[in-house]
Amino acid sequence: MQVHQILKMKDGGADVLTIAPGTTVSEAAGILSDKRIGSLVVSPDGKTVTGILSERDIVRELGRRGVACMSDRVDDLMTREIVTCARDETAVEVLQKMSDGRFRHMPVMADGEMIGLISIGDVVKARLAELAMEKDALQGMIMGR
């Protein structure tokens, strides 16, 4: 299964929540909590990816410095070196990138702009659906259907 198919499974996947550079970590944590999501793309315009701020980034800093980090800017905690994917990449390729990089969220890019965001959960769900279809097809062939 390819990334564009995974995005379609997510109702198009175009609704990526972004947060502007300079926003406080406290505001970002509130959004993450309210929306029940694991990360926010840091972007000045909703298309350019400056960084990603994840729950893990916040928790790591809380553990290191305590609540003082909540007044920091997202720019201070975000991951800056972002690994992205294209719509034509496969679920297996994306899972490999996520596993190698030990991250759970990946922007999908086309022509230099973000067109979606996929999580490891999205990719695992798609891969499981793909494996179920393969299993059904093989069973059908074995049973002569």
N, C-alpha and C. Protein backbone atom coordinates (compact mmCIF):
# COMPACT_ATOMS: atom_id res chain seq x y z
N MET A 1 0.85 -1.17 0.00
CA MET A 1 0.00 0.00 0.00
C MET A 1 0.89 1.24 0.00
N GLN A 2 0.48 2.24 -0.73
CA GLN A 2 1.27 3.46 -0.84
C GLN A 2 0.71 4.56 0.08
N VAL A 3 1.56 5.55 0.35
CA VAL A 3 1.21 6.63 1.26
C VAL A 3 -0.07 7.34 0.81
N HIS A 4 -0.27 7.58 -0.48
CA HIS A 4 -1.48 8.28 -0.92
C HIS A 4 -2.72 7.47 -0.55
N GLN A 5 -2.62 6.15 -0.53
CA GLN A 5 -3.76 5.31 -0.14
C GLN A 5 -3.99 5.40 1.37
N ILE A 6 -2.92 5.48 2.13
CA ILE A 6 -3.04 5.64 3.59
C ILE A 6 -3.72 6.97 3.90
N LEU A 7 -3.33 8.03 3.18
CA LEU A 7 -3.96 9.34 3.39
C LEU A 7 -5.45 9.28 3.07
N LYS A 8 -5.83 8.55 2.03
CA LYS A 8 -7.26 8.42 1.69
C LYS A 8 -8.01 7.70 2.79
N MET A 9 -7.38 6.72 3.42
CA MET A 9 -8.00 6.01 4.54
C MET A 9 -8.26 6.97 5.71
N LYS A 10 -7.48 8.04 5.77
CA LYS A 10 -7.63 9.05 6.82
C LYS A 10 -8.55 10.18 6.37
N ASP A 11 -9.46 9.91 5.46
CA ASP A 11 -10.34 10.95 4.91
C ASP A 11 -9.54 12.04 4.21
N GLY A 12 -8.55 11.62 3.47
CA GLY A 12 -7.75 12.57 2.70
C GLY A 12 -6.48 12.98 3.39
N GLY A 13 -6.47 13.00 4.72
CA GLY A 13 -5.27 13.31 5.48
C GLY A 13 -4.79 14.74 5.37
N ALA A 14 -5.56 15.61 4.75
CA ALA A 14 -5.10 16.98 4.52
C ALA A 14 -5.22 17.86 5.76
N ASP A 15 -5.99 17.45 6.74
CA ASP A 15 -6.18 18.26 7.93
C ASP A 15 -5.06 18.03 8.94
N VAL A 16 -3.93 18.65 8.69
CA VAL A 16 -2.79 18.53 9.59
C VAL A 16 -2.81 19.71 10.54
N LEU A 17 -2.80 19.41 11.83
CA LEU A 17 -2.75 20.49 12.80
C LEU A 17 -1.32 21.02 12.87
N THR A 18 -1.19 22.30 12.68
CA THR A 18 0.12 22.94 12.76
C THR A 18 0.09 23.98 13.87
N ILE A 19 1.27 24.38 14.26
CA ILE A 19 1.41 25.42 15.27
C ILE A 19 2.50 26.36 14.80
N ALA A 20 2.31 27.62 15.04
CA ALA A 20 3.26 28.62 14.56
C ALA A 20 4.53 28.63 15.41
N PRO A 21 5.67 28.87 14.77
CA PRO A 21 6.90 29.06 15.55
C PRO A 21 6.68 30.19 16.54
N GLY A 22 7.28 30.08 17.70
CA GLY A 22 7.13 31.11 18.72
C GLY A 22 6.02 30.85 19.71
N THR A 23 5.16 29.90 19.43
CA THR A 23 4.09 29.53 20.35
C THR A 23 4.71 28.87 21.59
N THR A 24 4.09 29.06 22.74
CA THR A 24 4.65 28.46 23.95
C THR A 24 4.38 26.95 23.99
N VAL A 25 5.25 26.27 24.69
CA VAL A 25 5.09 24.83 24.89
C VAL A 25 3.80 24.54 25.64
N SER A 26 3.44 25.41 26.55
CA SER A 26 2.20 25.25 27.30
C SER A 26 0.99 25.26 26.36
N GLU A 27 0.96 26.20 25.42
CA GLU A 27 -0.13 26.24 24.45
C GLU A 27 -0.15 24.99 23.59
N ALA A 28 1.03 24.54 23.18
CA ALA A 28 1.13 23.33 22.36
C ALA A 28 0.63 22.12 23.13
N ALA A 29 1.01 22.00 24.40
CA ALA A 29 0.57 20.88 25.22
C ALA A 29 -0.95 20.88 25.36
N GLY A 30 -1.54 22.07 25.48
CA GLY A 30 -2.99 22.18 25.56
C GLY A 30 -3.67 21.67 24.30
N ILE A 31 -3.11 22.00 23.15
CA ILE A 31 -3.67 21.54 21.87
C ILE A 31 -3.52 20.03 21.75
N LEU A 32 -2.35 19.51 22.09
CA LEU A 32 -2.13 18.07 22.03
C LEU A 32 -3.15 17.34 22.90
N SER A 33 -3.38 17.87 24.08
CA SER A 33 -4.34 17.26 25.01
C SER A 33 -5.77 17.37 24.50
N ASP A 34 -6.16 18.57 24.09
CA ASP A 34 -7.54 18.79 23.62
C ASP A 34 -7.87 17.94 22.40
N LYS A 35 -6.93 17.84 21.47
CA LYS A 35 -7.17 17.12 20.21
C LYS A 35 -6.84 15.64 20.32
N ARG A 36 -6.23 15.24 21.44
CA ARG A 36 -5.85 13.84 21.66
C ARG A 36 -4.95 13.32 20.54
N ILE A 37 -3.90 14.10 20.27
CA ILE A 37 -2.93 13.74 19.24
C ILE A 37 -1.54 13.71 19.84
N GLY A 38 -0.60 13.13 19.10
CA GLY A 38 0.74 12.94 19.62
C GLY A 38 1.78 13.94 19.18
N SER A 39 1.45 14.76 18.18
CA SER A 39 2.43 15.72 17.71
C SER A 39 1.77 16.87 16.96
N LEU A 40 2.52 17.93 16.85
CA LEU A 40 2.11 19.09 16.06
C LEU A 40 3.26 19.44 15.11
N VAL A 41 2.91 19.74 13.89
CA VAL A 41 3.91 20.22 12.95
C VAL A 41 4.09 21.72 13.20
N VAL A 42 5.32 22.13 13.36
CA VAL A 42 5.62 23.55 13.53
C VAL A 42 5.80 24.13 12.13
N SER A 43 4.93 25.10 11.81
CA SER A 43 4.90 25.65 10.46
C SER A 43 4.39 27.08 10.49
N PRO A 44 5.07 27.98 9.78
CA PRO A 44 4.58 29.35 9.73
C PRO A 44 3.37 29.53 8.82
N ASP A 45 3.15 28.58 7.90
CA ASP A 45 2.10 28.77 6.89
C ASP A 45 1.22 27.55 6.63
N GLY A 46 1.44 26.47 7.37
CA GLY A 46 0.64 25.27 7.18
C GLY A 46 1.14 24.38 6.06
N LYS A 47 2.13 24.79 5.32
CA LYS A 47 2.67 24.00 4.20
C LYS A 47 4.17 23.71 4.36
N THR A 48 4.88 24.63 4.95
CA THR A 48 6.32 24.49 5.18
C THR A 48 6.53 23.83 6.54
N VAL A 49 7.39 22.83 6.59
CA VAL A 49 7.66 22.15 7.85
C VAL A 49 8.96 22.69 8.44
N THR A 50 8.83 23.37 9.58
CA THR A 50 9.99 23.90 10.29
C THR A 50 10.49 22.88 11.31
N GLY A 51 9.55 22.13 11.88
CA GLY A 51 9.90 21.12 12.87
C GLY A 51 8.65 20.37 13.29
N ILE A 52 8.84 19.43 14.21
CA ILE A 52 7.72 18.69 14.80
C ILE A 52 7.93 18.69 16.31
N LEU A 53 6.86 19.00 17.02
CA LEU A 53 6.88 18.93 18.48
C LEU A 53 5.99 17.77 18.88
N SER A 54 6.56 16.81 19.58
CA SER A 54 5.80 15.64 20.00
C SER A 54 5.63 15.62 21.51
N GLU A 55 4.72 14.78 21.95
CA GLU A 55 4.54 14.56 23.39
C GLU A 55 5.87 14.18 24.03
N ARG A 56 6.60 13.33 23.34
CA ARG A 56 7.89 12.87 23.88
C ARG A 56 8.86 14.02 24.08
N ASP A 57 8.87 14.97 23.13
CA ASP A 57 9.76 16.13 23.28
C ASP A 57 9.44 16.89 24.57
N ILE A 58 8.15 17.07 24.82
CA ILE A 58 7.72 17.81 26.01
C ILE A 58 8.04 17.03 27.28
N VAL A 59 7.72 15.75 27.29
CA VAL A 59 7.95 14.93 28.49
C VAL A 59 9.44 14.85 28.81
N ARG A 60 10.26 14.70 27.78
CA ARG A 60 11.72 14.66 27.99
C ARG A 60 12.20 15.92 28.71
N GLU A 61 11.72 17.07 28.23
CA GLU A 61 12.17 18.34 28.82
C GLU A 61 11.57 18.54 30.20
N LEU A 62 10.34 18.11 30.40
CA LEU A 62 9.73 18.17 31.74
C LEU A 62 10.57 17.35 32.73
N GLY A 63 10.98 16.18 32.32
CA GLY A 63 11.80 15.34 33.17
C GLY A 63 13.15 15.95 33.47
N ARG A 64 13.69 16.67 32.52
CA ARG A 64 15.00 17.29 32.68
C ARG A 64 14.96 18.57 33.49
N ARG A 65 13.97 19.44 33.19
CA ARG A 65 13.96 20.78 33.78
C ARG A 65 12.73 21.10 34.62
N GLY A 66 11.73 20.25 34.55
CA GLY A 66 10.51 20.54 35.29
C GLY A 66 9.61 21.50 34.52
N VAL A 67 8.61 22.03 35.21
CA VAL A 67 7.58 22.84 34.56
C VAL A 67 8.09 24.15 33.96
N ALA A 68 9.30 24.54 34.27
CA ALA A 68 9.85 25.77 33.70
C ALA A 68 9.86 25.73 32.18
N CYS A 69 9.95 24.53 31.61
CA CYS A 69 10.01 24.42 30.14
C CYS A 69 8.69 24.78 29.49
N MET A 70 7.61 24.82 30.24
CA MET A 70 6.30 25.10 29.66
C MET A 70 6.19 26.52 29.12
N SER A 71 7.04 27.41 29.59
CA SER A 71 7.02 28.78 29.08
C SER A 71 7.98 28.96 27.90
N ASP A 72 8.75 27.93 27.58
CA ASP A 72 9.64 27.97 26.41
C ASP A 72 8.80 28.04 25.14
N ARG A 73 9.46 28.34 24.05
CA ARG A 73 8.82 28.34 22.73
C ARG A 73 8.96 26.97 22.09
N VAL A 74 8.00 26.61 21.26
CA VAL A 74 8.06 25.31 20.60
C VAL A 74 9.35 25.15 19.81
N ASP A 75 9.87 26.25 19.31
CA ASP A 75 11.12 26.23 18.54
C ASP A 75 12.28 25.66 19.36
N ASP A 76 12.22 25.83 20.69
CA ASP A 76 13.30 25.37 21.56
C ASP A 76 13.28 23.86 21.78
N LEU A 77 12.11 23.23 21.68
CA LEU A 77 11.99 21.81 21.98
C LEU A 77 11.76 20.94 20.75
N MET A 78 11.32 21.52 19.68
CA MET A 78 10.92 20.73 18.51
C MET A 78 12.09 19.98 17.88
N THR A 79 11.76 18.92 17.19
CA THR A 79 12.73 18.20 16.38
C THR A 79 12.88 18.98 15.08
N ARG A 80 14.10 19.31 14.73
CA ARG A 80 14.34 20.15 13.55
C ARG A 80 14.69 19.36 12.29
N GLU A 81 15.32 18.22 12.47
CA GLU A 81 15.71 17.41 11.32
C GLU A 81 14.59 16.42 11.03
N ILE A 82 13.73 16.81 10.12
CA ILE A 82 12.50 16.07 9.85
C ILE A 82 12.71 15.12 8.68
N VAL A 83 12.31 13.88 8.89
CA VAL A 83 12.29 12.89 7.82
C VAL A 83 10.88 12.92 7.24
N THR A 84 10.79 13.01 5.94
CA THR A 84 9.49 13.08 5.28
C THR A 84 9.35 11.92 4.30
N CYS A 85 8.16 11.81 3.74
CA CYS A 85 7.92 10.80 2.71
C CYS A 85 7.11 11.43 1.59
N ALA A 86 7.05 10.70 0.49
CA ALA A 86 6.28 11.12 -0.68
C ALA A 86 5.06 10.21 -0.82
N ARG A 87 4.07 10.66 -1.60
CA ARG A 87 2.83 9.90 -1.75
C ARG A 87 3.03 8.52 -2.36
N ASP A 88 4.07 8.35 -3.16
CA ASP A 88 4.25 7.07 -3.84
C ASP A 88 5.10 6.07 -3.05
N GLU A 89 5.55 6.42 -1.86
CA GLU A 89 6.31 5.47 -1.05
C GLU A 89 5.36 4.42 -0.47
N THR A 90 5.91 3.26 -0.18
CA THR A 90 5.09 2.17 0.36
C THR A 90 5.04 2.21 1.88
N ALA A 91 4.05 1.51 2.42
CA ALA A 91 3.91 1.41 3.88
C ALA A 91 5.17 0.79 4.48
N VAL A 92 5.72 -0.20 3.82
CA VAL A 92 6.92 -0.86 4.33
C VAL A 92 8.10 0.12 4.37
N GLU A 93 8.25 0.93 3.33
CA GLU A 93 9.34 1.92 3.30
C GLU A 93 9.18 2.93 4.43
N VAL A 94 7.96 3.38 4.65
CA VAL A 94 7.70 4.36 5.70
C VAL A 94 7.93 3.75 7.08
N LEU A 95 7.45 2.53 7.28
CA LEU A 95 7.68 1.85 8.57
C LEU A 95 9.17 1.70 8.84
N GLN A 96 9.94 1.42 7.80
CA GLN A 96 11.39 1.28 7.98
C GLN A 96 12.01 2.61 8.41
N LYS A 97 11.62 3.69 7.75
CA LYS A 97 12.14 5.02 8.13
C LYS A 97 11.77 5.36 9.57
N MET A 98 10.51 5.10 9.94
CA MET A 98 10.07 5.41 11.30
C MET A 98 10.80 4.56 12.33
N SER A 99 10.98 3.29 12.02
CA SER A 99 11.69 2.40 12.93
C SER A 99 13.15 2.80 13.07
N ASP A 100 13.81 3.06 11.96
CA ASP A 100 15.21 3.46 11.99
C ASP A 100 15.41 4.77 12.76
N GLY A 101 14.51 5.73 12.55
CA GLY A 101 14.64 7.04 13.18
C GLY A 101 14.02 7.14 14.56
N ARG A 102 13.28 6.10 14.97
CA ARG A 102 12.61 6.05 16.27
C ARG A 102 11.67 7.24 16.47
N PHE A 103 10.81 7.47 15.46
CA PHE A 103 9.79 8.51 15.58
C PHE A 103 8.46 7.95 15.10
N ARG A 104 7.37 8.68 15.41
CA ARG A 104 6.03 8.15 15.16
C ARG A 104 5.19 8.97 14.21
N HIS A 105 5.68 10.11 13.75
CA HIS A 105 4.90 10.98 12.87
C HIS A 105 5.76 11.45 11.71
N MET A 106 5.18 11.44 10.50
CA MET A 106 5.95 11.80 9.32
C MET A 106 5.12 12.66 8.37
N PRO A 107 5.62 13.85 8.05
CA PRO A 107 4.94 14.67 7.05
C PRO A 107 5.05 14.05 5.66
N VAL A 108 3.98 14.17 4.91
CA VAL A 108 3.95 13.72 3.51
C VAL A 108 4.12 14.97 2.66
N MET A 109 5.11 14.95 1.79
CA MET A 109 5.45 16.12 1.00
C MET A 109 5.22 15.89 -0.50
N ALA A 110 4.83 16.96 -1.18
CA ALA A 110 4.71 16.95 -2.64
C ALA A 110 5.07 18.34 -3.13
N ASP A 111 6.00 18.42 -4.05
CA ASP A 111 6.45 19.70 -4.61
C ASP A 111 6.87 20.69 -3.53
N GLY A 112 7.55 20.19 -2.50
CA GLY A 112 8.08 21.05 -1.45
C GLY A 112 7.06 21.51 -0.42
N GLU A 113 5.82 21.02 -0.50
CA GLU A 113 4.79 21.42 0.46
C GLU A 113 4.22 20.20 1.17
N MET A 114 3.85 20.40 2.43
CA MET A 114 3.24 19.32 3.20
C MET A 114 1.80 19.13 2.73
N ILE A 115 1.47 17.88 2.39
CA ILE A 115 0.11 17.58 1.95
C ILE A 115 -0.62 16.67 2.94
N GLY A 116 0.09 16.22 3.96
CA GLY A 116 -0.53 15.36 4.96
C GLY A 116 0.48 14.95 6.01
N LEU A 117 -0.01 14.22 6.99
CA LEU A 117 0.83 13.71 8.07
C LEU A 117 0.33 12.31 8.38
N ILE A 118 1.25 11.38 8.46
CA ILE A 118 0.85 10.02 8.83
C ILE A 118 1.58 9.61 10.10
N SER A 119 0.89 8.82 10.90
CA SER A 119 1.48 8.31 12.13
C SER A 119 1.83 6.85 11.96
N ILE A 120 2.61 6.33 12.86
CA ILE A 120 2.95 4.92 12.79
C ILE A 120 1.68 4.07 12.93
N GLY A 121 0.71 4.57 13.69
CA GLY A 121 -0.56 3.85 13.81
C GLY A 121 -1.30 3.77 12.49
N ASP A 122 -1.28 4.86 11.72
CA ASP A 122 -1.90 4.86 10.39
C ASP A 122 -1.25 3.83 9.48
N VAL A 123 0.07 3.76 9.54
CA VAL A 123 0.81 2.88 8.66
C VAL A 123 0.62 1.42 9.07
N VAL A 124 0.63 1.16 10.37
CA VAL A 124 0.42 -0.21 10.85
C VAL A 124 -0.99 -0.67 10.48
N LYS A 125 -1.98 0.19 10.66
CA LYS A 125 -3.36 -0.15 10.30
C LYS A 125 -3.46 -0.50 8.81
N ALA A 126 -2.83 0.30 7.97
CA ALA A 126 -2.86 0.05 6.53
C ALA A 126 -2.15 -1.26 6.19
N ARG A 127 -1.03 -1.49 6.83
CA ARG A 127 -0.27 -2.72 6.56
C ARG A 127 -1.06 -3.95 7.00
N LEU A 128 -1.73 -3.87 8.14
CA LEU A 128 -2.55 -4.99 8.60
C LEU A 128 -3.70 -5.27 7.64
N ALA A 129 -4.31 -4.21 7.12
CA ALA A 129 -5.40 -4.38 6.14
C ALA A 129 -4.85 -5.06 4.88
N GLU A 130 -3.67 -4.64 4.48
CA GLU A 130 -3.04 -5.23 3.30
C GLU A 130 -2.73 -6.71 3.52
N LEU A 131 -2.21 -7.05 4.68
CA LEU A 131 -1.91 -8.44 4.99
C LEU A 131 -3.18 -9.29 5.07
N ALA A 132 -4.26 -8.72 5.60
CA ALA A 132 -5.53 -9.45 5.67
C ALA A 132 -6.05 -9.76 4.27
N MET A 133 -5.93 -8.79 3.35
CA MET A 133 -6.36 -9.03 1.97
C MET A 133 -5.52 -10.11 1.31
N GLU A 134 -4.22 -10.09 1.55
CA GLU A 134 -3.34 -11.11 0.99
C GLU A 134 -3.69 -12.49 1.53
N LYS A 135 -3.96 -12.56 2.82
CA LYS A 135 -4.35 -13.82 3.45
C LYS A 135 -5.63 -14.35 2.83
N ASP A 136 -6.62 -13.49 2.68
CA ASP A 136 -7.90 -13.91 2.09
C ASP A 136 -7.70 -14.40 0.65
N ALA A 137 -6.87 -13.71 -0.11
CA ALA A 137 -6.61 -14.11 -1.49
C ALA A 137 -5.93 -15.47 -1.54
N LEU A 138 -4.95 -15.67 -0.67
CA LEU A 138 -4.26 -16.96 -0.64
C LEU A 138 -5.19 -18.09 -0.22
N GLN A 139 -6.03 -17.83 0.78
CA GLN A 139 -6.99 -18.84 1.20
C GLN A 139 -7.96 -19.17 0.06
N GLY A 140 -8.39 -18.14 -0.65
CA GLY A 140 -9.28 -18.36 -1.78
C GLY A 140 -8.63 -19.21 -2.87
N MET A 141 -7.35 -18.96 -3.12
CA MET A 141 -6.63 -19.74 -4.13
C MET A 141 -6.49 -21.20 -3.68
N ILE A 142 -6.17 -21.39 -2.42
CA ILE A 142 -5.99 -22.76 -1.90
C ILE A 142 -7.29 -23.53 -1.94
N MET A 143 -8.39 -22.85 -1.61
CA MET A 143 -9.69 -23.51 -1.55
C MET A 143 -10.40 -23.51 -2.90
N GLY A 144 -9.77 -22.95 -3.90
CA GLY A 144 -10.33 -22.96 -5.25
C GLY A 144 -11.50 -22.00 -5.47
N ARG A 145 -11.48 -20.90 -4.77
CA ARG A 145 -12.54 -19.89 -4.96
C ARG A 145 -12.15 -18.85 -5.97
